[in-house]
Amino acid sequence: MNIHELNYVLCIAKHQNMTKAAQELFISQPTLSKHLGKLERELGIKLFSRVDNCYIPTYAGRRYMEYASGVLELTHDWEKELADLRSLNDGELNVAFPLMRSSCMIPRILPAFRRIHPNIRLNFLEETYAIQERLLTDSRIDFAIFSDGNLHPKLEYETLGREEILLAVSPRHPLAKEAKCKVCQDGPYPKVDLSQLGSEKFILHFPEQNTGAITEQLLKKYGIEPKVPFYTRNTQAALLLVQQNEGICFAPETYIKNMTFSTPPVCFSLHDPDAFTRTIIAYRKGAYLTSYALDFIQISKDYFGGDLHKR
């Protein structure tokens, strides 16, 4: 069992297709098939069942993959620790981000990180959803940053910050006109009673997304069966549609603050503790964290705490 073989088997299982796996591994399809055949002969057991050119892991294949993933994670940790021991002049971090969150955070945290670690390469991997699952299945990823959800026992979590999910409406919406007449005594945003908005058109995120799941629970809580002309995974698209008065939407406060609008939306607070989301950073339990990895975590916390200007 060597590192190349482990990567070969995991990549074939990932794509369930020999040609696609070979393309990702930058080797030819016949070469990959030859390596798999040789490995199966040495083990004396089939790792994959072939069904219509689809490679499905057998029970033995799934067990092999469990060990392979563990070996690769240990190897990855050792390589990081060895690099840390040798010097801090070279290294990299691979960080998985939600697509919209990355556009808010990266322009702020990257300059702060590079000021103290100019030779460390940061690779940002943007996803629309299932960020935690990506961390669990790809041993090359060091961290994942995402909104709170179901926690996994194989991961460690640290809280970066907590923020409110706001209701955004067009400046031409009747609610916007009412907001001008209200005095905000309990915060920067006027309060809105969600139960009174049952007739509105809502532009919603899909329920498997964090904002979508929170919104779905809030609408149920206030007894609203929403009219939904659009579902989208893209918060920016939702807010731009709100700007055109095509509906109203929910969005995290930092997303709205970091977007550029020709005419900004008018935002409201529900004044409801359930309308908040927690952003966390996750990494594998027991993983070795280099000094620059620890600095990245602290800089990410400073971003939410408003302390980046001190760096």
C-alpha atoms as a PDB file:
ATOM      1  CA  MET A   1       0.000   0.000   0.000  1.00  0.00           C
ATOM      2  CA  ASN A   2       1.541   3.326  -1.074  1.00  0.00           C
ATOM      3  CA  ILE A   3       0.297   6.904  -1.274  1.00  0.00           C
ATOM      4  CA  HIS A   4      -0.297   6.753  -5.024  1.00  0.00           C
ATOM      5  CA  GLU A   5      -2.472   3.641  -4.681  1.00  0.00           C
ATOM      6  CA  LEU A   6      -4.510   5.254  -1.903  1.00  0.00           C
ATOM      7  CA  ASN A   7      -5.158   8.338  -4.017  1.00  0.00           C
ATOM      8  CA  TYR A   8      -6.006   6.211  -7.060  1.00  0.00           C
ATOM      9  CA  VAL A   9      -8.682   4.201  -5.221  1.00  0.00           C
ATOM     10  CA  LEU A  10     -10.214   7.257  -3.540  1.00  0.00           C
ATOM     11  CA  CYS A  11     -10.344   9.163  -6.820  1.00  0.00           C
ATOM     12  CA  ILE A  12     -11.999   6.266  -8.676  1.00  0.00           C
ATOM     13  CA  ALA A  13     -14.585   6.025  -5.880  1.00  0.00           C
ATOM     14  CA  LYS A  14     -15.161   9.779  -5.994  1.00  0.00           C
ATOM     15  CA  HIS A  15     -15.981   9.824  -9.719  1.00  0.00           C
ATOM     16  CA  GLN A  16     -17.150   6.204 -10.124  1.00  0.00           C
ATOM     17  CA  ASN A  17     -15.651   6.584 -13.572  1.00  0.00           C
ATOM     18  CA  MET A  18     -12.165   5.553 -14.676  1.00  0.00           C
ATOM     19  CA  THR A  19     -11.753   8.249 -17.347  1.00  0.00           C
ATOM     20  CA  LYS A  20     -12.745  11.141 -15.054  1.00  0.00           C
ATOM     21  CA  ALA A  21     -10.546   9.809 -12.257  1.00  0.00           C
ATOM     22  CA  ALA A  22      -7.572   9.533 -14.614  1.00  0.00           C
ATOM     23  CA  GLN A  23      -8.104  13.115 -15.775  1.00  0.00           C
ATOM     24  CA  GLU A  24      -8.041  14.416 -12.202  1.00  0.00           C
ATOM     25  CA  LEU A  25      -4.921  12.353 -11.427  1.00  0.00           C
ATOM     26  CA  PHE A  26      -3.183  13.503 -14.632  1.00  0.00           C
ATOM     27  CA  ILE A  27      -2.468   9.967 -15.803  1.00  0.00           C
ATOM     28  CA  SER A  28      -3.871   7.959 -18.687  1.00  0.00           C
ATOM     29  CA  GLN A  29      -6.981   5.815 -18.262  1.00  0.00           C
ATOM     30  CA  PRO A  30      -5.152   2.578 -19.256  1.00  0.00           C
ATOM     31  CA  THR A  31      -2.429   3.317 -16.687  1.00  0.00           C
ATOM     32  CA  LEU A  32      -4.998   3.835 -13.935  1.00  0.00           C
ATOM     33  CA  SER A  33      -6.841   0.631 -14.910  1.00  0.00           C
ATOM     34  CA  LYS A  34      -3.530  -1.237 -14.837  1.00  0.00           C
ATOM     35  CA  HIS A  35      -2.711   0.038 -11.324  1.00  0.00           C
ATOM     36  CA  LEU A  36      -6.156  -0.924 -10.033  1.00  0.00           C
ATOM     37  CA  GLY A  37      -5.938  -4.400 -11.540  1.00  0.00           C
ATOM     38  CA  LYS A  38      -2.473  -4.920 -10.035  1.00  0.00           C
ATOM     39  CA  LEU A  39      -3.664  -3.759  -6.602  1.00  0.00           C
ATOM     40  CA  GLU A  40      -6.725  -6.038  -6.664  1.00  0.00           C
ATOM     41  CA  ARG A  41      -4.543  -9.023  -7.635  1.00  0.00           C
ATOM     42  CA  GLU A  42      -2.105  -8.287  -4.804  1.00  0.00           C
ATOM     43  CA  LEU A  43      -4.952  -7.993  -2.289  1.00  0.00           C
ATOM     44  CA  GLY A  44      -6.759 -11.035  -3.686  1.00  0.00           C
ATOM     45  CA  ILE A  45     -10.103  -9.240  -3.611  1.00  0.00           C
ATOM     46  CA  LYS A  46     -12.165  -6.883  -5.760  1.00  0.00           C
ATOM     47  CA  LEU A  47     -12.363  -3.277  -4.588  1.00  0.00           C
ATOM     48  CA  PHE A  48     -14.959  -2.219  -7.185  1.00  0.00           C
ATOM     49  CA  SER A  49     -17.912  -3.729  -8.987  1.00  0.00           C
ATOM     50  CA  ARG A  50     -18.234  -2.633 -12.618  1.00  0.00           C
ATOM     51  CA  VAL A  51     -21.796  -1.786 -13.642  1.00  0.00           C
ATOM     52  CA  ASP A  52     -22.227  -0.129 -17.063  1.00  0.00           C
ATOM     53  CA  ASN A  53     -18.799   1.551 -16.850  1.00  0.00           C
ATOM     54  CA  CYS A  54     -19.648   2.744 -13.348  1.00  0.00           C
ATOM     55  CA  TYR A  55     -17.206   1.718 -10.606  1.00  0.00           C
ATOM     56  CA  ILE A  56     -19.076   0.969  -7.365  1.00  0.00           C
ATOM     57  CA  PRO A  57     -16.962   0.186  -4.268  1.00  0.00           C
ATOM     58  CA  THR A  58     -17.469  -3.300  -2.838  1.00  0.00           C
ATOM     59  CA  TYR A  59     -17.571  -3.830   0.924  1.00  0.00           C
ATOM     60  CA  ALA A  60     -13.816  -4.507   0.805  1.00  0.00           C
ATOM     61  CA  GLY A  61     -13.396  -1.353  -1.273  1.00  0.00           C
ATOM     62  CA  ARG A  62     -15.271   0.746   1.274  1.00  0.00           C
ATOM     63  CA  ARG A  63     -13.117  -0.648   4.096  1.00  0.00           C
ATOM     64  CA  TYR A  64      -9.974   0.040   2.065  1.00  0.00           C
ATOM     65  CA  MET A  65     -11.158   3.613   1.515  1.00  0.00           C
ATOM     66  CA  GLU A  66     -11.685   4.164   5.250  1.00  0.00           C
ATOM     67  CA  TYR A  67      -8.098   3.156   5.968  1.00  0.00           C
ATOM     68  CA  ALA A  68      -6.827   5.056   2.925  1.00  0.00           C
ATOM     69  CA  SER A  69      -8.481   8.285   4.096  1.00  0.00           C
ATOM     70  CA  GLY A  70      -6.947   7.867   7.552  1.00  0.00           C
ATOM     71  CA  VAL A  71      -3.468   7.223   6.161  1.00  0.00           C
ATOM     72  CA  LEU A  72      -3.669  10.257   3.869  1.00  0.00           C
ATOM     73  CA  GLU A  73      -4.818  12.491   6.715  1.00  0.00           C
ATOM     74  CA  LEU A  74      -1.908  11.322   8.890  1.00  0.00           C
ATOM     75  CA  THR A  75       0.502  11.849   6.005  1.00  0.00           C
ATOM     76  CA  HIS A  76      -0.896  15.326   5.397  1.00  0.00           C
ATOM     77  CA  ASP A  77      -0.541  16.198   9.102  1.00  0.00           C
ATOM     78  CA  TRP A  78       3.051  14.940   9.186  1.00  0.00           C
ATOM     79  CA  GLU A  79       3.972  16.965   6.095  1.00  0.00           C
ATOM     80  CA  LYS A  80       2.540  20.102   7.734  1.00  0.00           C
ATOM     81  CA  GLU A  81       4.309  19.476  11.027  1.00  0.00           C
ATOM     82  CA  LEU A  82       7.605  18.708   9.273  1.00  0.00           C
ATOM     83  CA  ALA A  83       7.350  21.919   7.259  1.00  0.00           C
ATOM     84  CA  ASP A  84       6.578  23.800  10.470  1.00  0.00           C
ATOM     85  CA  LEU A  85       9.624  22.291  12.156  1.00  0.00           C
ATOM     86  CA  ARG A  86      11.947  23.133   9.279  1.00  0.00           C
ATOM     87  CA  SER A  87      10.895  26.741   8.804  1.00  0.00           C
ATOM     88  CA  LEU A  88       8.029  29.110   8.344  1.00  0.00           C
ATOM     89  CA  ASN A  89       9.228  30.238   4.939  1.00  0.00           C
ATOM     90  CA  ASP A  90       7.021  27.911   2.955  1.00  0.00           C
ATOM     91  CA  GLY A  91       3.612  26.292   3.283  1.00  0.00           C
ATOM     92  CA  GLU A  92      -0.022  26.500   2.312  1.00  0.00           C
ATOM     93  CA  LEU A  93      -3.529  26.412   3.722  1.00  0.00           C
ATOM     94  CA  ASN A  94      -6.574  25.136   1.852  1.00  0.00           C
ATOM     95  CA  VAL A  95      -9.793  26.704   3.132  1.00  0.00           C
ATOM     96  CA  ALA A  96     -13.311  25.828   1.996  1.00  0.00           C
ATOM     97  CA  PHE A  97     -15.760  28.744   2.064  1.00  0.00           C
ATOM     98  CA  PRO A  98     -19.382  29.365   1.155  1.00  0.00           C
ATOM     99  CA  LEU A  99     -19.306  31.344  -2.078  1.00  0.00           C
ATOM    100  CA  MET A 100     -20.869  34.538  -0.717  1.00  0.00           C
ATOM    101  CA  ARG A 101     -19.047  34.411   2.612  1.00  0.00           C
ATOM    102  CA  SER A 102     -15.702  34.236   0.803  1.00  0.00           C
ATOM    103  CA  SER A 103     -16.408  37.453  -1.118  1.00  0.00           C
ATOM    104  CA  CYS A 104     -17.004  39.222   2.213  1.00  0.00           C
ATOM    105  CA  MET A 105     -14.139  37.774   4.236  1.00  0.00           C
ATOM    106  CA  ILE A 106     -11.242  37.142   1.830  1.00  0.00           C
ATOM    107  CA  PRO A 107     -10.575  40.812   0.887  1.00  0.00           C
ATOM    108  CA  ARG A 108     -10.313  41.598   4.612  1.00  0.00           C
ATOM    109  CA  ILE A 109      -8.462  38.624   6.087  1.00  0.00           C
ATOM    110  CA  LEU A 110      -5.995  37.903   3.261  1.00  0.00           C
ATOM    111  CA  PRO A 111      -4.019  41.190   3.577  1.00  0.00           C
ATOM    112  CA  ALA A 112      -3.878  40.792   7.376  1.00  0.00           C
ATOM    113  CA  PHE A 113      -2.602  37.218   7.044  1.00  0.00           C
ATOM    114  CA  ARG A 114      -0.002  38.068   4.399  1.00  0.00           C
ATOM    115  CA  ARG A 115       1.431  40.843   6.532  1.00  0.00           C
ATOM    116  CA  ILE A 116       2.636  38.254   9.058  1.00  0.00           C
ATOM    117  CA  HIS A 117       3.049  35.233   6.730  1.00  0.00           C
ATOM    118  CA  PRO A 118       4.035  36.581   3.299  1.00  0.00           C
ATOM    119  CA  ASN A 119       5.398  33.224   2.092  1.00  0.00           C
ATOM    120  CA  ILE A 120       2.408  31.054   3.000  1.00  0.00           C
ATOM    121  CA  ARG A 121       0.036  30.352   0.139  1.00  0.00           C
ATOM    122  CA  LEU A 122      -3.706  30.487   0.845  1.00  0.00           C
ATOM    123  CA  ASN A 123      -6.012  28.525  -1.454  1.00  0.00           C
ATOM    124  CA  PHE A 124      -9.697  29.407  -1.107  1.00  0.00           C
ATOM    125  CA  LEU A 125     -12.162  26.787  -2.338  1.00  0.00           C
ATOM    126  CA  GLU A 126     -15.619  28.306  -2.783  1.00  0.00           C
ATOM    127  CA  GLU A 127     -18.731  26.133  -2.592  1.00  0.00           C
ATOM    128  CA  THR A 128     -22.441  26.964  -2.676  1.00  0.00           C
ATOM    129  CA  TYR A 129     -23.375  24.507   0.090  1.00  0.00           C
ATOM    130  CA  ALA A 130     -22.313  21.244   1.851  1.00  0.00           C
ATOM    131  CA  ILE A 131     -19.054  22.843   3.015  1.00  0.00           C
ATOM    132  CA  GLN A 132     -18.736  20.562   6.054  1.00  0.00           C
ATOM    133  CA  GLU A 133     -19.126  17.473   3.879  1.00  0.00           C
ATOM    134  CA  ARG A 134     -16.319  18.713   1.630  1.00  0.00           C
ATOM    135  CA  LEU A 135     -13.999  18.957   4.653  1.00  0.00           C
ATOM    136  CA  LEU A 136     -14.886  15.416   5.723  1.00  0.00           C
ATOM    137  CA  THR A 137     -14.291  13.882   2.295  1.00  0.00           C
ATOM    138  CA  ASP A 138     -11.233  15.806   1.052  1.00  0.00           C
ATOM    139  CA  SER A 139      -8.123  15.342   3.196  1.00  0.00           C
ATOM    140  CA  ARG A 140      -6.351  18.189   1.382  1.00  0.00           C
ATOM    141  CA  ILE A 141      -8.650  20.787   2.985  1.00  0.00           C
ATOM    142  CA  ASP A 142      -7.329  22.224   6.256  1.00  0.00           C
ATOM    143  CA  PHE A 143     -10.291  24.343   7.340  1.00  0.00           C
ATOM    144  CA  ALA A 144     -13.903  24.910   6.431  1.00  0.00           C
ATOM    145  CA  ILE A 145     -15.739  28.110   7.292  1.00  0.00           C
ATOM    146  CA  PHE A 146     -19.522  27.948   7.252  1.00  0.00           C
ATOM    147  CA  SER A 147     -22.663  28.842   9.153  1.00  0.00           C
ATOM    148  CA  ASP A 148     -23.694  26.729  12.109  1.00  0.00           C
ATOM    149  CA  GLY A 149     -25.546  23.509  11.371  1.00  0.00           C
ATOM    150  CA  ASN A 150     -25.354  19.845  12.332  1.00  0.00           C
ATOM    151  CA  LEU A 151     -22.011  19.239  14.023  1.00  0.00           C
ATOM    152  CA  HIS A 152     -19.969  16.141  13.186  1.00  0.00           C
ATOM    153  CA  PRO A 153     -18.106  14.134  15.876  1.00  0.00           C
ATOM    154  CA  LYS A 154     -14.955  13.856  13.713  1.00  0.00           C
ATOM    155  CA  LEU A 155     -14.497  17.631  13.584  1.00  0.00           C
ATOM    156  CA  GLU A 156     -13.416  20.370  15.977  1.00  0.00           C
ATOM    157  CA  TYR A 157     -15.237  23.711  15.850  1.00  0.00           C
ATOM    158  CA  GLU A 158     -14.436  27.259  16.912  1.00  0.00           C
ATOM    159  CA  THR A 159     -16.899  30.129  16.796  1.00  0.00           C
ATOM    160  CA  LEU A 160     -15.830  33.076  14.659  1.00  0.00           C
ATOM    161  CA  GLY A 161     -18.861  35.286  15.196  1.00  0.00           C
ATOM    162  CA  ARG A 162     -22.618  35.635  15.404  1.00  0.00           C
ATOM    163  CA  GLU A 163     -24.778  37.880  13.229  1.00  0.00           C
ATOM    164  CA  GLU A 164     -28.398  38.686  12.542  1.00  0.00           C
ATOM    165  CA  ILE A 165     -30.405  37.584   9.527  1.00  0.00           C
ATOM    166  CA  LEU A 166     -32.121  40.756   8.287  1.00  0.00           C
ATOM    167  CA  LEU A 167     -35.188  41.262   6.130  1.00  0.00           C
ATOM    168  CA  ALA A 168     -34.318  43.327   3.040  1.00  0.00           C
ATOM    169  CA  VAL A 169     -36.835  45.238   0.913  1.00  0.00           C
ATOM    170  CA  SER A 170     -36.592  47.607  -2.037  1.00  0.00           C
ATOM    171  CA  PRO A 171     -36.490  51.355  -1.293  1.00  0.00           C
ATOM    172  CA  ARG A 172     -39.686  51.508  -3.396  1.00  0.00           C
ATOM    173  CA  HIS A 173     -41.490  49.011  -1.173  1.00  0.00           C
ATOM    174  CA  PRO A 174     -44.208  50.414   1.157  1.00  0.00           C
ATOM    175  CA  LEU A 175     -42.299  49.045   4.160  1.00  0.00           C
ATOM    176  CA  ALA A 176     -39.339  51.245   3.247  1.00  0.00           C
ATOM    177  CA  LYS A 177     -41.509  54.323   3.429  1.00  0.00           C
ATOM    178  CA  GLU A 178     -42.794  53.276   6.850  1.00  0.00           C
ATOM    179  CA  ALA A 179     -39.203  52.740   8.044  1.00  0.00           C
ATOM    180  CA  LYS A 180     -38.398  56.411   7.464  1.00  0.00           C
ATOM    181  CA  CYS A 181     -41.058  57.333   9.997  1.00  0.00           C
ATOM    182  CA  LYS A 182     -39.827  54.913  12.678  1.00  0.00           C
ATOM    183  CA  VAL A 183     -37.286  55.727  15.363  1.00  0.00           C
ATOM    184  CA  CYS A 184     -34.824  52.834  15.941  1.00  0.00           C
ATOM    185  CA  GLN A 185     -34.519  52.659  19.715  1.00  0.00           C
ATOM    186  CA  ASP A 186     -33.349  49.042  20.009  1.00  0.00           C
ATOM    187  CA  GLY A 187     -30.635  48.913  17.352  1.00  0.00           C
ATOM    188  CA  PRO A 188     -29.560  50.118  13.914  1.00  0.00           C
ATOM    189  CA  TYR A 189     -32.551  48.594  12.088  1.00  0.00           C
ATOM    190  CA  PRO A 190     -36.279  49.237  12.486  1.00  0.00           C
ATOM    191  CA  LYS A 191     -38.343  46.336  13.770  1.00  0.00           C
ATOM    192  CA  VAL A 192     -40.742  44.479  11.487  1.00  0.00           C
ATOM    193  CA  ASP A 193     -43.550  42.103  12.444  1.00  0.00           C
ATOM    194  CA  LEU A 194     -43.074  39.112  10.146  1.00  0.00           C
ATOM    195  CA  SER A 195     -46.575  37.805  10.879  1.00  0.00           C
ATOM    196  CA  GLN A 196     -47.996  40.815   8.985  1.00  0.00           C
ATOM    197  CA  LEU A 197     -46.156  39.988   5.750  1.00  0.00           C
ATOM    198  CA  GLY A 198     -48.079  36.908   4.621  1.00  0.00           C
ATOM    199  CA  SER A 199     -49.126  38.517   1.335  1.00  0.00           C
ATOM    200  CA  GLU A 200     -45.556  39.430   0.309  1.00  0.00           C
ATOM    201  CA  LYS A 201     -43.481  37.704  -2.374  1.00  0.00           C
ATOM    202  CA  PHE A 202     -40.411  36.110  -0.773  1.00  0.00           C
ATOM    203  CA  ILE A 203     -37.164  35.405  -2.619  1.00  0.00           C
ATOM    204  CA  LEU A 204     -35.785  32.478  -0.651  1.00  0.00           C
ATOM    205  CA  HIS A 205     -32.637  30.394  -0.354  1.00  0.00           C
ATOM    206  CA  PHE A 206     -32.951  26.648  -0.693  1.00  0.00           C
ATOM    207  CA  PRO A 207     -33.686  24.899   2.632  1.00  0.00           C
ATOM    208  CA  GLU A 208     -30.397  22.922   2.615  1.00  0.00           C
ATOM    209  CA  GLN A 209     -28.556  26.248   2.921  1.00  0.00           C
ATOM    210  CA  ASN A 210     -28.154  27.751   6.381  1.00  0.00           C
ATOM    211  CA  THR A 211     -30.000  30.992   5.610  1.00  0.00           C
ATOM    212  CA  GLY A 212     -32.708  28.992   3.835  1.00  0.00           C
ATOM    213  CA  ALA A 213     -33.172  26.681   6.817  1.00  0.00           C
ATOM    214  CA  ILE A 214     -33.373  29.597   9.290  1.00  0.00           C
ATOM    215  CA  THR A 215     -35.838  31.427   7.038  1.00  0.00           C
ATOM    216  CA  GLU A 216     -38.009  28.338   6.656  1.00  0.00           C
ATOM    217  CA  GLN A 217     -38.257  27.962  10.446  1.00  0.00           C
ATOM    218  CA  LEU A 218     -39.026  31.663  10.935  1.00  0.00           C
ATOM    219  CA  LEU A 219     -41.829  31.609   8.362  1.00  0.00           C
ATOM    220  CA  LYS A 220     -43.369  28.560  10.050  1.00  0.00           C
ATOM    221  CA  LYS A 221     -42.995  30.203  13.456  1.00  0.00           C
ATOM    222  CA  TYR A 222     -44.947  33.267  12.293  1.00  0.00           C
ATOM    223  CA  GLY A 223     -47.578  31.217  10.467  1.00  0.00           C
ATOM    224  CA  ILE A 224     -46.661  32.302   6.941  1.00  0.00           C
ATOM    225  CA  GLU A 225     -47.004  30.146   3.838  1.00  0.00           C
ATOM    226  CA  PRO A 226     -44.891  32.289   1.545  1.00  0.00           C
ATOM    227  CA  LYS A 227     -45.465  33.116  -2.095  1.00  0.00           C
ATOM    228  CA  VAL A 228     -42.075  32.285  -3.639  1.00  0.00           C
ATOM    229  CA  PRO A 229     -41.421  33.520  -7.183  1.00  0.00           C
ATOM    230  CA  PHE A 230     -37.703  32.632  -6.958  1.00  0.00           C
ATOM    231  CA  TYR A 231     -35.427  30.242  -5.083  1.00  0.00           C
ATOM    232  CA  THR A 232     -31.688  30.885  -5.341  1.00  0.00           C
ATOM    233  CA  ARG A 233     -28.446  29.767  -3.719  1.00  0.00           C
ATOM    234  CA  ASN A 234     -26.931  33.179  -4.435  1.00  0.00           C
ATOM    235  CA  THR A 235     -27.525  35.864  -1.803  1.00  0.00           C
ATOM    236  CA  GLN A 236     -26.221  38.563  -4.122  1.00  0.00           C
ATOM    237  CA  ALA A 237     -28.776  37.592  -6.781  1.00  0.00           C
ATOM    238  CA  ALA A 238     -31.560  37.647  -4.194  1.00  0.00           C
ATOM    239  CA  LEU A 239     -30.594  41.129  -3.002  1.00  0.00           C
ATOM    240  CA  LEU A 240     -30.337  42.465  -6.549  1.00  0.00           C
ATOM    241  CA  LEU A 241     -33.830  41.143  -7.253  1.00  0.00           C
ATOM    242  CA  VAL A 242     -35.012  42.888  -4.083  1.00  0.00           C
ATOM    243  CA  GLN A 243     -33.425  46.076  -5.408  1.00  0.00           C
ATOM    244  CA  GLN A 244     -35.663  45.705  -8.480  1.00  0.00           C
ATOM    245  CA  ASN A 245     -38.679  45.290  -6.161  1.00  0.00           C
ATOM    246  CA  GLU A 246     -39.281  41.711  -7.360  1.00  0.00           C
ATOM    247  CA  GLY A 247     -39.826  40.532  -3.798  1.00  0.00           C
ATOM    248  CA  ILE A 248     -38.320  40.653  -0.314  1.00  0.00           C
ATOM    249  CA  CYS A 249     -35.577  38.412   1.085  1.00  0.00           C
ATOM    250  CA  PHE A 250     -33.558  37.473   4.140  1.00  0.00           C
ATOM    251  CA  ALA A 251     -29.775  37.856   4.239  1.00  0.00           C
ATOM    252  CA  PRO A 252     -26.994  37.896   6.869  1.00  0.00           C
ATOM    253  CA  GLU A 253     -26.023  41.411   7.925  1.00  0.00           C
ATOM    254  CA  THR A 254     -22.381  41.151   6.767  1.00  0.00           C
ATOM    255  CA  TYR A 255     -23.446  40.034   3.282  1.00  0.00           C
ATOM    256  CA  ILE A 256     -25.554  43.166   2.873  1.00  0.00           C
ATOM    257  CA  LYS A 257     -22.855  45.450   4.296  1.00  0.00           C
ATOM    258  CA  ASN A 258     -20.206  44.089   1.921  1.00  0.00           C
ATOM    259  CA  MET A 259     -22.247  44.432  -1.269  1.00  0.00           C
ATOM    260  CA  THR A 260     -22.219  47.518  -3.482  1.00  0.00           C
ATOM    261  CA  PHE A 261     -25.642  48.760  -4.551  1.00  0.00           C
ATOM    262  CA  SER A 262     -26.678  51.622  -6.787  1.00  0.00           C
ATOM    263  CA  THR A 263     -29.563  51.989  -4.329  1.00  0.00           C
ATOM    264  CA  PRO A 264     -29.141  49.969  -1.113  1.00  0.00           C
ATOM    265  CA  PRO A 265     -32.066  47.907   0.193  1.00  0.00           C
ATOM    266  CA  VAL A 266     -33.860  48.951   3.346  1.00  0.00           C
ATOM    267  CA  CYS A 267     -33.233  46.434   6.119  1.00  0.00           C
ATOM    268  CA  PHE A 268     -35.370  45.410   9.072  1.00  0.00           C
ATOM    269  CA  SER A 269     -34.745  43.415  12.225  1.00  0.00           C
ATOM    270  CA  LEU A 270     -37.209  40.782  13.470  1.00  0.00           C
ATOM    271  CA  HIS A 271     -35.943  41.279  17.042  1.00  0.00           C
ATOM    272  CA  ASP A 272     -36.116  37.505  17.320  1.00  0.00           C
ATOM    273  CA  PRO A 273     -33.275  35.380  18.795  1.00  0.00           C
ATOM    274  CA  ASP A 274     -34.015  32.703  16.182  1.00  0.00           C
ATOM    275  CA  ALA A 275     -33.058  35.134  13.404  1.00  0.00           C
ATOM    276  CA  PHE A 276     -29.346  34.821  14.069  1.00  0.00           C
ATOM    277  CA  THR A 277     -26.636  32.647  12.556  1.00  0.00           C
ATOM    278  CA  ARG A 278     -23.276  31.590  13.956  1.00  0.00           C
ATOM    279  CA  THR A 279     -20.238  31.371  11.678  1.00  0.00           C
ATOM    280  CA  ILE A 280     -17.752  28.675  12.653  1.00  0.00           C
ATOM    281  CA  ILE A 281     -14.410  27.349  11.487  1.00  0.00           C
ATOM    282  CA  ALA A 282     -13.966  23.574  11.483  1.00  0.00           C
ATOM    283  CA  TYR A 283     -10.997  21.237  11.170  1.00  0.00           C
ATOM    284  CA  ARG A 284     -10.429  17.525  11.696  1.00  0.00           C
ATOM    285  CA  LYS A 285     -10.297  16.364  15.276  1.00  0.00           C
ATOM    286  CA  GLY A 286      -6.696  15.755  16.304  1.00  0.00           C
ATOM    287  CA  ALA A 287      -5.243  17.450  13.212  1.00  0.00           C
ATOM    288  CA  TYR A 288      -1.888  19.176  13.617  1.00  0.00           C
ATOM    289  CA  LEU A 289      -2.243  22.960  13.358  1.00  0.00           C
ATOM    290  CA  THR A 290       0.802  24.906  12.261  1.00  0.00           C
ATOM    291  CA  SER A 291       1.552  28.282  13.809  1.00  0.00           C
ATOM    292  CA  TYR A 292       0.330  30.017  10.666  1.00  0.00           C
ATOM    293  CA  ALA A 293      -2.882  27.951  10.764  1.00  0.00           C
ATOM    294  CA  LEU A 294      -3.508  29.180  14.309  1.00  0.00           C
ATOM    295  CA  ASP A 295      -2.854  32.742  13.132  1.00  0.00           C
ATOM    296  CA  PHE A 296      -5.415  32.269  10.356  1.00  0.00           C
ATOM    297  CA  ILE A 297      -8.046  31.226  12.902  1.00  0.00           C
ATOM    298  CA  GLN A 298      -7.299  34.281  15.065  1.00  0.00           C
ATOM    299  CA  ILE A 299      -7.417  36.657  12.091  1.00  0.00           C
ATOM    300  CA  SER A 300     -10.796  35.189  11.105  1.00  0.00           C
ATOM    301  CA  LYS A 301     -12.056  35.821  14.635  1.00  0.00           C
ATOM    302  CA  ASP A 302     -10.716  39.379  14.484  1.00  0.00           C
ATOM    303  CA  TYR A 303     -12.718  39.936  11.289  1.00  0.00           C
ATOM    304  CA  PHE A 304     -15.975  39.262  13.134  1.00  0.00           C
ATOM    305  CA  GLY A 305     -14.834  41.131  16.220  1.00  0.00           C
ATOM    306  CA  GLY A 306     -13.891  44.213  14.205  1.00  0.00           C
ATOM    307  CA  ASP A 307     -10.254  44.030  15.341  1.00  0.00           C
ATOM    308  CA  LEU A 308      -8.474  43.611  11.987  1.00  0.00           C
ATOM    309  CA  HIS A 309      -7.531  47.294  11.941  1.00  0.00           C
ATOM    310  CA  LYS A 310      -5.233  46.598  14.908  1.00  0.00           C
ATOM    311  CA  ARG A 311      -3.064  44.230  12.842  1.00  0.00           C
END
